[in-house]
N, C-alpha and C. Protein backbone atom coordinates (compact mmCIF):
# COMPACT_ATOMS: atom_id res chain seq x y z
N MET A 1 -71.84 -76.28 -13.83
CA MET A 1 -71.50 -77.48 -14.70
C MET A 1 -70.88 -78.62 -13.28
N LEU A 2 -69.74 -78.18 -13.18
CA LEU A 2 -69.39 -79.06 -12.45
C LEU A 2 -69.91 -79.91 -11.24
N ARG A 3 -70.76 -79.12 -10.49
CA ARG A 3 -71.48 -79.90 -9.27
C ARG A 3 -72.46 -80.61 -10.05
N ARG A 4 -73.15 -80.49 -11.17
CA ARG A 4 -74.44 -81.29 -11.71
C ARG A 4 -73.28 -82.56 -12.04
N VAL A 5 -72.26 -81.90 -12.66
CA VAL A 5 -71.28 -83.65 -13.07
C VAL A 5 -70.98 -84.51 -11.46
N LEU A 6 -70.56 -83.98 -10.41
CA LEU A 6 -70.19 -84.54 -9.19
C LEU A 6 -71.51 -84.96 -8.26
N PHE A 7 -72.84 -84.20 -8.78
CA PHE A 7 -73.88 -84.96 -8.09
C PHE A 7 -74.17 -86.14 -9.00
N ILE A 8 -74.36 -85.88 -10.41
CA ILE A 8 -73.98 -87.72 -10.88
C ILE A 8 -73.10 -88.59 -11.13
N GLN A 9 -71.70 -88.34 -10.48
CA GLN A 9 -71.06 -88.97 -9.95
C GLN A 9 -71.48 -89.62 -8.68
N MET A 10 -71.44 -88.66 -7.85
CA MET A 10 -72.16 -89.66 -6.38
C MET A 10 -73.39 -90.04 -6.86
N ILE A 11 -74.16 -90.11 -7.21
CA ILE A 11 -75.43 -90.85 -7.50
C ILE A 11 -75.19 -92.01 -8.12
N PHE A 12 -74.53 -92.43 -8.99
CA PHE A 12 -73.83 -93.60 -9.59
C PHE A 12 -73.26 -94.51 -8.93
N SER A 13 -72.56 -93.53 -8.18
CA SER A 13 -71.46 -93.92 -7.16
C SER A 13 -72.41 -94.64 -5.93
N THR A 14 -73.44 -94.05 -5.82
CA THR A 14 -74.48 -94.70 -4.39
C THR A 14 -75.20 -96.11 -5.23
N ILE A 15 -75.12 -95.85 -6.36
CA ILE A 15 -76.04 -97.09 -7.23
C ILE A 15 -75.15 -98.41 -7.11
N ILE A 16 -73.89 -98.02 -7.50
CA ILE A 16 -73.06 -99.27 -7.46
C ILE A 16 -73.19 -100.26 -5.91
N LEU A 17 -73.06 -99.08 -4.96
CA LEU A 17 -72.98 -99.63 -3.60
C LEU A 17 -74.55 -100.27 -3.48
N PHE A 18 -75.57 -99.82 -3.53
CA PHE A 18 -76.72 -100.62 -3.50
C PHE A 18 -76.82 -101.85 -4.55
N ALA A 19 -76.02 -101.72 -5.57
CA ALA A 19 -76.32 -103.26 -6.53
C ALA A 19 -75.04 -104.06 -6.09
N SER A 20 -73.69 -103.58 -5.60
CA SER A 20 -73.65 -104.86 -4.93
C SER A 20 -73.39 -105.66 -3.94
N ALA A 21 -74.78 -105.09 -2.96
CA ALA A 21 -75.33 -105.36 -1.81
C ALA A 21 -76.52 -106.69 -2.12
N ARG A 22 -76.61 -106.68 -3.27
CA ARG A 22 -78.02 -107.47 -3.95
C ARG A 22 -77.68 -108.47 -4.58
N GLU A 23 -78.01 -109.88 -4.46
CA GLU A 23 -77.92 -110.91 -4.98
C GLU A 23 -77.75 -110.94 -6.13
N TRP A 24 -76.47 -111.25 -6.34
CA TRP A 24 -76.31 -111.49 -7.64
C TRP A 24 -75.79 -113.03 -8.10
N ALA A 25 -76.05 -113.80 -7.37
CA ALA A 25 -75.94 -115.28 -7.90
C ALA A 25 -76.95 -116.27 -6.37
N LYS A 26 -77.62 -117.18 -6.79
CA LYS A 26 -78.06 -118.17 -5.82
C LYS A 26 -77.55 -119.36 -6.37
N VAL A 27 -77.24 -119.71 -5.18
CA VAL A 27 -76.35 -121.35 -5.52
C VAL A 27 -76.83 -122.40 -4.38
N THR A 28 -77.29 -123.51 -5.23
CA THR A 28 -78.16 -124.52 -4.89
C THR A 28 -76.93 -125.93 -4.59
N TYR A 29 -76.81 -126.20 -3.87
CA TYR A 29 -76.04 -127.58 -3.67
C TYR A 29 -76.75 -128.62 -3.44
N ILE A 30 -76.60 -129.54 -4.11
CA ILE A 30 -77.51 -131.00 -3.84
C ILE A 30 -76.49 -132.45 -3.63
N GLU A 31 -76.99 -132.84 -2.73
CA GLU A 31 -76.02 -134.37 -2.80
C GLU A 31 -77.06 -135.22 -2.08
N ALA A 32 -76.68 -136.57 -2.34
CA ALA A 32 -77.05 -137.88 -1.72
C ALA A 32 -76.78 -137.98 -0.45
N ASN A 33 -77.78 -137.95 0.65
CA ASN A 33 -77.68 -137.86 1.85
C ASN A 33 -77.05 -136.90 2.47
N PHE A 34 -77.21 -136.03 1.89
CA PHE A 34 -76.79 -134.42 2.52
C PHE A 34 -77.68 -133.28 2.27
N PRO A 35 -77.93 -132.64 3.52
CA PRO A 35 -79.03 -131.77 3.08
C PRO A 35 -78.98 -130.80 2.26
N THR A 36 -80.18 -129.73 1.47
CA THR A 36 -79.57 -129.21 0.17
C THR A 36 -78.85 -127.55 0.93
N VAL A 37 -78.10 -127.58 0.60
CA VAL A 37 -77.28 -125.84 0.78
C VAL A 37 -77.86 -124.92 -0.07
N SER A 38 -78.88 -123.78 0.30
CA SER A 38 -78.68 -122.78 -0.23
C SER A 38 -77.95 -121.15 -0.18
N LEU A 39 -76.77 -120.97 -1.07
CA LEU A 39 -76.27 -119.94 -0.90
C LEU A 39 -77.04 -118.88 -1.61
N SER A 40 -76.96 -117.47 -0.90
CA SER A 40 -77.53 -116.04 -1.47
C SER A 40 -75.64 -115.57 -1.85
N LEU A 41 -75.58 -115.32 -2.73
CA LEU A 41 -73.99 -114.37 -2.65
C LEU A 41 -74.41 -113.09 -3.56
N SER A 42 -74.07 -112.10 -2.79
CA SER A 42 -73.76 -110.85 -3.37
C SER A 42 -72.90 -110.24 -4.08
N GLY A 43 -73.28 -109.10 -4.72
CA GLY A 43 -71.87 -108.70 -5.38
C GLY A 43 -70.56 -108.58 -4.60
N ARG A 44 -70.51 -107.57 -3.62
CA ARG A 44 -69.59 -108.12 -2.51
C ARG A 44 -69.18 -109.16 -1.96
N GLN A 45 -69.94 -110.38 -2.14
CA GLN A 45 -68.89 -111.50 -1.39
C GLN A 45 -68.23 -112.07 -2.86
N LEU A 46 -69.05 -111.74 -3.68
CA LEU A 46 -68.67 -112.22 -5.13
C LEU A 46 -66.81 -111.61 -5.74
N ASP A 47 -67.33 -110.47 -5.24
CA ASP A 47 -65.62 -109.64 -5.67
C ASP A 47 -66.06 -107.98 -5.14
N PRO A 48 -65.17 -107.78 -4.43
CA PRO A 48 -65.68 -106.78 -3.25
C PRO A 48 -64.96 -105.16 -3.95
N LEU A 49 -63.85 -105.19 -4.55
CA LEU A 49 -63.44 -104.35 -5.65
C LEU A 49 -64.52 -103.33 -6.55
N GLN A 50 -65.45 -103.74 -6.51
CA GLN A 50 -66.91 -103.02 -7.18
C GLN A 50 -67.14 -101.77 -5.82
N ALA A 51 -67.42 -102.00 -4.81
CA ALA A 51 -67.96 -101.36 -3.68
C ALA A 51 -66.86 -100.58 -2.82
N GLY A 52 -65.59 -101.13 -3.12
CA GLY A 52 -64.22 -100.24 -2.93
C GLY A 52 -64.14 -99.14 -3.77
N LEU A 53 -64.40 -99.64 -5.08
CA LEU A 53 -64.23 -98.46 -6.16
C LEU A 53 -65.10 -97.12 -5.79
N ALA A 54 -66.39 -98.24 -5.53
CA ALA A 54 -67.58 -96.70 -5.43
C ALA A 54 -66.93 -96.17 -4.21
N VAL A 55 -66.72 -96.69 -3.43
CA VAL A 55 -66.60 -95.52 -2.15
C VAL A 55 -65.31 -94.82 -2.67
N ALA A 56 -64.40 -95.17 -3.21
CA ALA A 56 -63.36 -94.31 -3.35
C ALA A 56 -63.70 -92.92 -4.54
N THR A 57 -64.82 -93.62 -5.14
CA THR A 57 -65.24 -92.37 -6.28
C THR A 57 -65.95 -91.18 -5.44
N LEU A 58 -66.72 -91.88 -4.84
CA LEU A 58 -67.67 -91.12 -3.57
C LEU A 58 -66.52 -89.93 -2.62
N THR A 59 -65.87 -90.41 -2.45
CA THR A 59 -64.86 -89.45 -1.67
C THR A 59 -64.40 -88.74 -2.63
N ALA A 60 -63.84 -89.58 -3.72
CA ALA A 60 -62.88 -88.14 -4.75
C ALA A 60 -63.79 -87.15 -5.31
N ALA A 61 -65.26 -87.13 -5.26
CA ALA A 61 -66.10 -86.33 -5.69
C ALA A 61 -66.20 -85.04 -4.20
N LEU A 62 -65.81 -85.27 -3.49
CA LEU A 62 -65.82 -84.60 -2.12
C LEU A 62 -64.32 -83.87 -2.37
N GLY A 63 -63.26 -84.77 -3.15
CA GLY A 63 -62.06 -84.15 -3.16
C GLY A 63 -61.98 -83.07 -4.10
N ILE A 64 -63.08 -83.66 -5.46
CA ILE A 64 -63.05 -82.66 -6.49
C ILE A 64 -63.85 -80.99 -5.97
N MET A 65 -64.27 -80.96 -5.08
CA MET A 65 -65.15 -79.97 -4.64
C MET A 65 -64.02 -79.12 -4.25
N VAL A 66 -62.70 -79.88 -3.88
CA VAL A 66 -62.20 -78.63 -2.48
C VAL A 66 -60.76 -78.49 -3.35
N THR A 67 -60.53 -79.01 -4.10
CA THR A 67 -59.45 -78.57 -4.72
C THR A 67 -59.43 -78.29 -6.00
N ARG A 68 -58.04 -77.78 -6.81
CA ARG A 68 -57.97 -76.75 -8.08
C ARG A 68 -57.18 -77.08 -9.20
N LYS A 69 -57.23 -77.11 -10.35
CA LYS A 69 -55.89 -76.83 -10.87
C LYS A 69 -55.67 -78.41 -11.39
N ILE A 70 -54.16 -78.77 -11.22
CA ILE A 70 -53.58 -79.88 -11.35
C ILE A 70 -54.46 -80.99 -10.23
N SER A 71 -54.41 -80.79 -8.69
CA SER A 71 -55.55 -81.80 -8.07
C SER A 71 -56.55 -82.23 -8.82
N ARG A 72 -57.24 -81.54 -9.09
CA ARG A 72 -58.64 -81.44 -9.65
C ARG A 72 -58.61 -82.49 -10.94
N ARG A 73 -57.37 -82.25 -11.70
CA ARG A 73 -57.13 -83.28 -12.74
C ARG A 73 -56.83 -84.60 -12.48
N LEU A 74 -56.29 -84.29 -11.51
CA LEU A 74 -55.50 -85.73 -11.03
C LEU A 74 -56.65 -86.90 -10.73
N ILE A 75 -57.96 -85.96 -10.34
CA ILE A 75 -58.66 -87.06 -9.08
C ILE A 75 -59.56 -87.42 -10.61
N GLY A 76 -59.51 -86.41 -11.26
CA GLY A 76 -60.77 -86.82 -12.61
C GLY A 76 -60.05 -87.75 -13.08
N LEU A 77 -59.18 -87.62 -13.57
CA LEU A 77 -58.36 -88.79 -14.29
C LEU A 77 -58.17 -90.45 -13.73
N PHE A 78 -58.42 -90.06 -12.08
CA PHE A 78 -58.75 -91.10 -11.10
C PHE A 78 -60.00 -91.59 -11.44
N VAL A 79 -60.86 -90.58 -10.78
CA VAL A 79 -62.16 -90.97 -11.11
C VAL A 79 -62.35 -91.83 -12.70
N SER A 80 -62.06 -91.51 -13.73
CA SER A 80 -62.06 -91.85 -14.83
C SER A 80 -61.42 -93.05 -15.09
N ILE A 81 -60.84 -93.52 -14.63
CA ILE A 81 -59.84 -94.81 -14.29
C ILE A 81 -60.83 -95.95 -13.45
N ALA A 82 -60.94 -95.50 -12.08
CA ALA A 82 -61.91 -96.38 -11.20
C ALA A 82 -63.29 -96.51 -12.20
N GLY A 83 -63.94 -95.98 -12.94
CA GLY A 83 -65.11 -95.92 -13.43
C GLY A 83 -64.71 -97.05 -14.52
N LEU A 84 -63.60 -96.94 -15.26
CA LEU A 84 -63.62 -98.25 -16.20
C LEU A 84 -62.87 -99.45 -15.62
N ALA A 85 -62.76 -99.24 -14.22
CA ALA A 85 -62.33 -100.64 -13.72
C ALA A 85 -63.59 -101.28 -12.99
N ILE A 86 -64.65 -100.46 -12.63
CA ILE A 86 -66.05 -100.63 -12.43
C ILE A 86 -66.29 -101.60 -13.22
N ALA A 87 -66.65 -101.35 -14.44
CA ALA A 87 -67.53 -101.44 -15.01
C ALA A 87 -66.65 -102.78 -16.11
N GLY A 88 -65.27 -102.56 -16.29
CA GLY A 88 -64.39 -104.06 -16.45
C GLY A 88 -65.32 -105.29 -15.72
N ASN A 89 -65.00 -104.79 -14.18
CA ASN A 89 -65.09 -105.96 -13.67
C ASN A 89 -66.81 -106.42 -13.33
N ALA A 90 -67.61 -105.18 -13.99
CA ALA A 90 -69.40 -105.78 -13.77
C ALA A 90 -69.39 -106.41 -15.52
N PHE A 91 -68.42 -106.61 -16.29
CA PHE A 91 -68.56 -107.13 -17.42
C PHE A 91 -67.88 -108.47 -16.96
N GLY A 92 -66.89 -108.71 -16.21
CA GLY A 92 -66.38 -110.07 -16.28
C GLY A 92 -67.37 -111.18 -15.54
N PHE A 93 -68.87 -110.47 -14.89
CA PHE A 93 -69.71 -110.93 -14.83
C PHE A 93 -70.58 -111.96 -15.66
N ALA A 94 -70.31 -111.46 -16.77
CA ALA A 94 -71.39 -111.32 -17.79
C ALA A 94 -70.88 -112.98 -18.33
N ASP A 95 -69.59 -113.61 -17.89
CA ASP A 95 -69.36 -114.99 -18.33
C ASP A 95 -69.44 -115.88 -17.07
N PRO A 96 -70.23 -116.79 -16.88
CA PRO A 96 -70.43 -117.28 -15.58
C PRO A 96 -69.02 -117.90 -14.97
N GLU A 97 -68.16 -118.46 -16.23
CA GLU A 97 -67.25 -119.40 -15.92
C GLU A 97 -65.73 -118.49 -15.33
N ASN A 98 -65.84 -116.94 -14.89
CA ASN A 98 -65.15 -116.14 -14.62
C ASN A 98 -65.23 -116.12 -13.02
N ILE A 99 -66.61 -116.32 -12.39
CA ILE A 99 -67.00 -116.19 -11.13
C ILE A 99 -66.75 -117.74 -10.77
N THR A 100 -66.94 -118.60 -11.40
CA THR A 100 -67.08 -120.23 -11.01
C THR A 100 -65.98 -120.58 -10.00
N SER A 101 -64.70 -120.15 -9.89
CA SER A 101 -64.13 -120.24 -8.54
C SER A 101 -64.05 -119.69 -7.21
N THR A 102 -64.55 -118.49 -7.38
CA THR A 102 -65.57 -117.94 -6.38
C THR A 102 -66.17 -118.57 -5.41
N ILE A 103 -67.34 -119.22 -6.42
CA ILE A 103 -68.57 -119.68 -6.17
C ILE A 103 -68.14 -120.90 -5.50
N VAL A 104 -67.40 -121.73 -5.97
CA VAL A 104 -66.99 -123.22 -5.58
C VAL A 104 -66.52 -123.04 -4.36
N ASP A 105 -65.58 -121.88 -3.97
CA ASP A 105 -64.70 -121.71 -2.92
C ASP A 105 -65.63 -120.79 -1.35
N GLN A 106 -66.74 -120.11 -1.96
CA GLN A 106 -67.90 -120.25 -0.84
C GLN A 106 -68.66 -120.99 -0.76
N LEU A 107 -68.96 -122.11 -1.55
CA LEU A 107 -69.89 -123.11 -1.34
C LEU A 107 -69.24 -124.30 -0.40
N ASN A 108 -68.15 -124.35 -1.04
CA ASN A 108 -66.88 -125.16 0.22
C ASN A 108 -66.70 -124.75 1.29
N THR A 109 -67.14 -123.46 2.03
CA THR A 109 -66.94 -122.73 3.13
C THR A 109 -67.95 -123.06 3.82
N ALA A 110 -69.48 -122.86 3.23
CA ALA A 110 -70.70 -123.36 3.35
C ALA A 110 -70.82 -124.88 3.96
N VAL A 111 -70.35 -125.27 2.97
CA VAL A 111 -70.77 -127.02 3.48
C VAL A 111 -69.25 -127.34 4.60
N GLY A 112 -68.57 -126.98 4.64
CA GLY A 112 -67.30 -127.40 5.25
C GLY A 112 -66.61 -128.58 4.95
N ARG A 113 -66.48 -128.52 3.35
CA ARG A 113 -65.57 -129.77 2.92
C ARG A 113 -65.45 -129.42 1.30
N PRO A 114 -64.31 -129.65 0.75
CA PRO A 114 -64.47 -129.67 -0.90
C PRO A 114 -65.90 -130.27 -1.41
N THR A 115 -66.56 -129.88 -2.07
CA THR A 115 -67.85 -130.17 -2.60
C THR A 115 -67.69 -130.74 -4.25
N ASN A 116 -68.49 -131.70 -4.62
CA ASN A 116 -68.50 -131.93 -5.99
C ASN A 116 -69.08 -131.75 -7.32
N GLU A 117 -69.61 -131.40 -8.31
CA GLU A 117 -70.06 -130.53 -9.18
C GLU A 117 -71.34 -130.64 -9.02
N ASN A 118 -72.01 -130.86 -7.97
CA ASN A 118 -73.64 -130.98 -7.88
C ASN A 118 -74.31 -129.49 -7.08
N PHE A 119 -74.00 -128.58 -8.14
CA PHE A 119 -74.68 -127.45 -7.60
C PHE A 119 -75.13 -126.54 -8.99
N SER A 120 -75.99 -125.76 -8.80
CA SER A 120 -76.54 -124.92 -9.92
C SER A 120 -76.29 -123.45 -9.22
N VAL A 121 -76.42 -122.57 -10.20
CA VAL A 121 -76.29 -121.11 -10.17
C VAL A 121 -77.27 -120.70 -10.90
N ASP A 122 -78.18 -119.49 -10.17
CA ASP A 122 -78.98 -118.84 -10.94
C ASP A 122 -78.60 -117.32 -10.57
N TYR A 123 -77.76 -116.99 -11.89
CA TYR A 123 -77.30 -115.54 -11.99
C TYR A 123 -78.26 -114.46 -12.03
N SER A 124 -78.65 -113.18 -10.89
CA SER A 124 -78.79 -112.29 -11.40
C SER A 124 -78.26 -111.20 -12.47
N ARG A 125 -78.86 -110.03 -12.77
CA ARG A 125 -78.94 -109.27 -13.61
C ARG A 125 -77.95 -107.71 -12.97
N TRP A 126 -77.68 -108.08 -11.93
CA TRP A 126 -77.43 -106.73 -11.46
C TRP A 126 -76.00 -106.10 -11.76
N TRP A 127 -75.12 -107.38 -12.26
CA TRP A 127 -73.93 -106.51 -13.11
C TRP A 127 -73.82 -105.98 -13.84
N GLN A 128 -74.98 -106.06 -14.76
CA GLN A 128 -75.79 -104.78 -15.77
C GLN A 128 -75.57 -103.28 -15.38
N LEU A 129 -76.34 -103.25 -14.29
CA LEU A 129 -76.18 -102.09 -13.24
C LEU A 129 -75.12 -101.43 -13.27
N SER A 130 -74.55 -102.16 -12.27
CA SER A 130 -73.00 -101.65 -11.79
C SER A 130 -72.34 -101.45 -13.20
N MET A 131 -72.39 -102.20 -14.50
CA MET A 131 -71.48 -101.57 -15.09
C MET A 131 -72.10 -100.29 -15.71
N ILE A 132 -72.82 -100.30 -16.20
CA ILE A 132 -73.57 -99.12 -16.77
C ILE A 132 -72.95 -97.60 -15.51
N ALA A 133 -73.65 -97.76 -14.41
CA ALA A 133 -73.23 -96.92 -13.52
C ALA A 133 -71.54 -96.78 -13.51
N GLY A 134 -70.68 -97.89 -13.63
CA GLY A 134 -69.09 -98.00 -13.86
C GLY A 134 -68.48 -96.88 -15.04
N LEU A 135 -69.69 -97.00 -16.20
CA LEU A 135 -69.14 -96.05 -17.19
C LEU A 135 -69.75 -94.46 -17.12
N ALA A 136 -70.88 -94.45 -16.61
CA ALA A 136 -71.10 -93.32 -16.59
C ALA A 136 -70.06 -92.66 -15.72
N ILE A 137 -69.69 -93.16 -14.41
CA ILE A 137 -68.73 -92.39 -13.38
C ILE A 137 -67.21 -92.16 -13.92
N SER A 138 -66.98 -93.34 -15.03
CA SER A 138 -66.04 -93.00 -15.48
C SER A 138 -66.00 -91.54 -16.75
N ALA A 139 -67.15 -91.55 -17.53
CA ALA A 139 -67.83 -90.28 -18.53
C ALA A 139 -67.66 -88.86 -16.96
N CYS A 140 -67.92 -88.85 -16.16
CA CYS A 140 -67.99 -88.14 -15.12
C CYS A 140 -66.89 -87.50 -14.68
N GLY A 141 -65.81 -88.32 -14.57
CA GLY A 141 -64.23 -88.21 -14.53
C GLY A 141 -63.67 -87.68 -15.52
N LEU A 142 -64.22 -87.75 -16.76
CA LEU A 142 -63.53 -87.15 -18.13
C LEU A 142 -63.79 -86.07 -18.22
N LEU A 143 -65.37 -85.97 -17.75
CA LEU A 143 -65.59 -84.38 -18.01
C LEU A 143 -64.93 -83.20 -16.86
N VAL A 144 -64.84 -83.88 -15.51
CA VAL A 144 -63.54 -83.41 -14.71
C VAL A 144 -62.68 -82.90 -15.28
N LEU A 145 -61.96 -83.95 -16.14
CA LEU A 145 -60.49 -84.10 -16.43
C LEU A 145 -60.26 -82.98 -17.34
N SER A 146 -61.75 -82.81 -18.82
CA SER A 146 -61.57 -82.14 -19.81
C SER A 146 -62.15 -80.59 -19.61
N ALA A 147 -62.86 -80.41 -18.21
CA ALA A 147 -63.20 -78.74 -17.50
C ALA A 147 -62.18 -78.13 -17.69
N LYS A 148 -63.04 -76.90 -18.30
CA LYS A 148 -62.02 -75.52 -18.73
C LYS A 148 -61.95 -74.65 -16.95
N ARG A 149 -61.07 -74.14 -16.64
CA ARG A 149 -60.88 -73.55 -15.84
C ARG A 149 -62.14 -73.34 -14.69
N VAL A 150 -62.76 -73.70 -13.98
CA VAL A 150 -64.02 -73.59 -13.27
C VAL A 150 -63.41 -73.67 -11.60
N GLU A 151 -64.12 -72.24 -10.87
CA GLU A 151 -63.56 -72.33 -9.86
C GLU A 151 -64.93 -72.80 -8.80
N THR A 152 -64.98 -73.59 -7.74
CA THR A 152 -65.83 -74.16 -6.90
C THR A 152 -66.37 -72.78 -5.82
N PRO A 153 -67.14 -72.61 -4.97
CA PRO A 153 -66.82 -71.91 -3.93
C PRO A 153 -65.99 -72.07 -2.94
N LEU A 154 -66.39 -73.79 -2.71
CA LEU A 154 -65.42 -74.03 -1.29
C LEU A 154 -63.93 -73.83 -1.98
N ALA A 155 -63.45 -74.31 -2.94
CA ALA A 155 -62.17 -74.28 -3.54
C ALA A 155 -61.40 -72.96 -3.03
N SER A 156 -62.42 -71.69 -3.48
CA SER A 156 -61.66 -70.18 -3.43
C SER A 156 -62.09 -69.54 -2.44
N ARG A 157 -62.82 -70.25 -1.31
CA ARG A 157 -63.26 -69.32 -0.22
C ARG A 157 -62.35 -69.49 0.89
N TYR A 158 -61.45 -69.74 0.79
CA TYR A 158 -59.79 -69.97 2.02
C TYR A 158 -58.86 -69.12 1.35
N GLU A 159 -58.89 -68.78 0.47
CA GLU A 159 -57.85 -67.91 -0.29
C GLU A 159 -57.35 -66.87 -0.17
N ARG A 160 -56.46 -66.30 -0.25
CA ARG A 160 -56.19 -64.50 0.54
C ARG A 160 -56.29 -63.99 -0.43
N ALA A 161 -57.12 -62.50 -1.10
CA ALA A 161 -57.16 -61.77 -1.36
C ALA A 161 -55.54 -61.16 -1.65
N PRO A 162 -55.13 -61.10 -2.90
CA PRO A 162 -54.07 -60.50 -3.15
C PRO A 162 -53.95 -58.76 -2.68
N GLU A 163 -53.08 -58.45 -1.81
CA GLU A 163 -52.41 -56.91 -1.34
C GLU A 163 -52.43 -56.11 -2.64
N SER A 164 -52.69 -55.05 -2.74
CA SER A 164 -52.11 -54.01 -3.58
C SER A 164 -50.68 -53.46 -2.96
N VAL A 165 -50.25 -53.21 -3.71
CA VAL A 165 -48.41 -53.11 -3.55
C VAL A 165 -48.47 -51.77 -2.76
N ASP A 166 -49.18 -50.71 -3.07
CA ASP A 166 -49.05 -49.58 -2.33
C ASP A 166 -49.74 -49.40 -0.85
N ALA A 167 -50.60 -50.81 -0.57
CA ALA A 167 -51.31 -50.84 0.45
C ALA A 167 -50.57 -50.60 2.03
N LYS A 168 -51.10 -49.94 3.05
CA LYS A 168 -50.66 -49.67 3.78
C LYS A 168 -50.33 -51.01 4.74
N VAL A 169 -48.90 -51.14 5.58
CA VAL A 169 -49.35 -52.37 6.09
C VAL A 169 -49.83 -52.57 7.59
N SER A 170 -51.03 -52.78 8.37
CA SER A 170 -51.14 -52.77 9.25
C SER A 170 -49.93 -52.55 10.58
N ASP A 171 -50.93 -52.19 11.61
CA ASP A 171 -49.97 -52.43 12.71
C ASP A 171 -49.87 -53.94 12.91
N TRP A 172 -50.38 -54.56 13.30
CA TRP A 172 -50.33 -56.03 13.55
C TRP A 172 -49.19 -56.57 12.52
N HIS A 173 -49.52 -56.14 11.18
CA HIS A 173 -48.46 -57.03 10.52
C HIS A 173 -47.12 -57.06 10.34
N ALA A 174 -47.14 -55.17 10.87
CA ALA A 174 -46.21 -54.62 10.86
C ALA A 174 -45.14 -55.23 12.20
N LEU A 175 -45.96 -55.32 13.02
CA LEU A 175 -45.59 -56.09 14.30
C LEU A 175 -45.18 -57.43 13.92
N ASP A 176 -45.89 -57.97 13.09
CA ASP A 176 -45.32 -59.61 12.91
C ASP A 176 -43.98 -59.48 11.92
N GLN A 177 -43.92 -58.44 10.88
CA GLN A 177 -42.51 -58.56 9.65
C GLN A 177 -41.68 -57.54 10.78
N GLY A 178 -41.55 -57.55 12.07
CA GLY A 178 -40.06 -56.85 12.62
C GLY A 178 -40.34 -55.19 13.08
N ILE A 179 -41.48 -55.01 12.52
CA ILE A 179 -41.13 -53.65 12.33
C ILE A 179 -41.80 -52.79 13.28
N ASP A 180 -41.20 -51.64 13.92
CA ASP A 180 -41.94 -50.76 14.91
C ASP A 180 -42.87 -49.97 14.37
N PRO A 181 -44.07 -50.12 14.80
CA PRO A 181 -45.23 -49.35 14.44
C PRO A 181 -45.22 -47.86 14.77
N THR A 182 -44.65 -47.59 15.92
CA THR A 182 -44.50 -46.40 17.00
C THR A 182 -43.80 -45.49 16.17
N GLU A 183 -42.77 -46.00 14.96
CA GLU A 183 -41.55 -44.81 15.04
C GLU A 183 -42.22 -43.90 13.93
């Protein structure tokens, strides 16, 4: 089950990276005696938080694969919070007033001076995909957090098997412990 959850988490993190690279807003600035300026703004240009958190959840999936117990639960909690942050941030794009200042800043940079209010913005719906993917990542984090004791092969591969009490110490280990094995 854990492998499926991690696979889903990685898929949705990749979807967020893809969606944040797409055009979220197309801005057109019109002024008399000035050429028309058109900007295509991606989600990363408007707010880079989503892409950064998507990368963090991708690496957290790898961390969940190699950790156990409390470490795995802490990473699951982080993934859940990061997914909610991605979804909440994407939901902020539902109201265009939330990103107008960012758009004006980008437009001022493109024009090279402060602009007036003669611009129009066409918004795309990529933020909805990002919001849904963020909620799915949050659910994956909750599943990891609430999972019963699950061992992954990678986490247990490097553990030593407990030695029995009556086991004879090998010559090599005897030398290591300061015991002369020739006696």
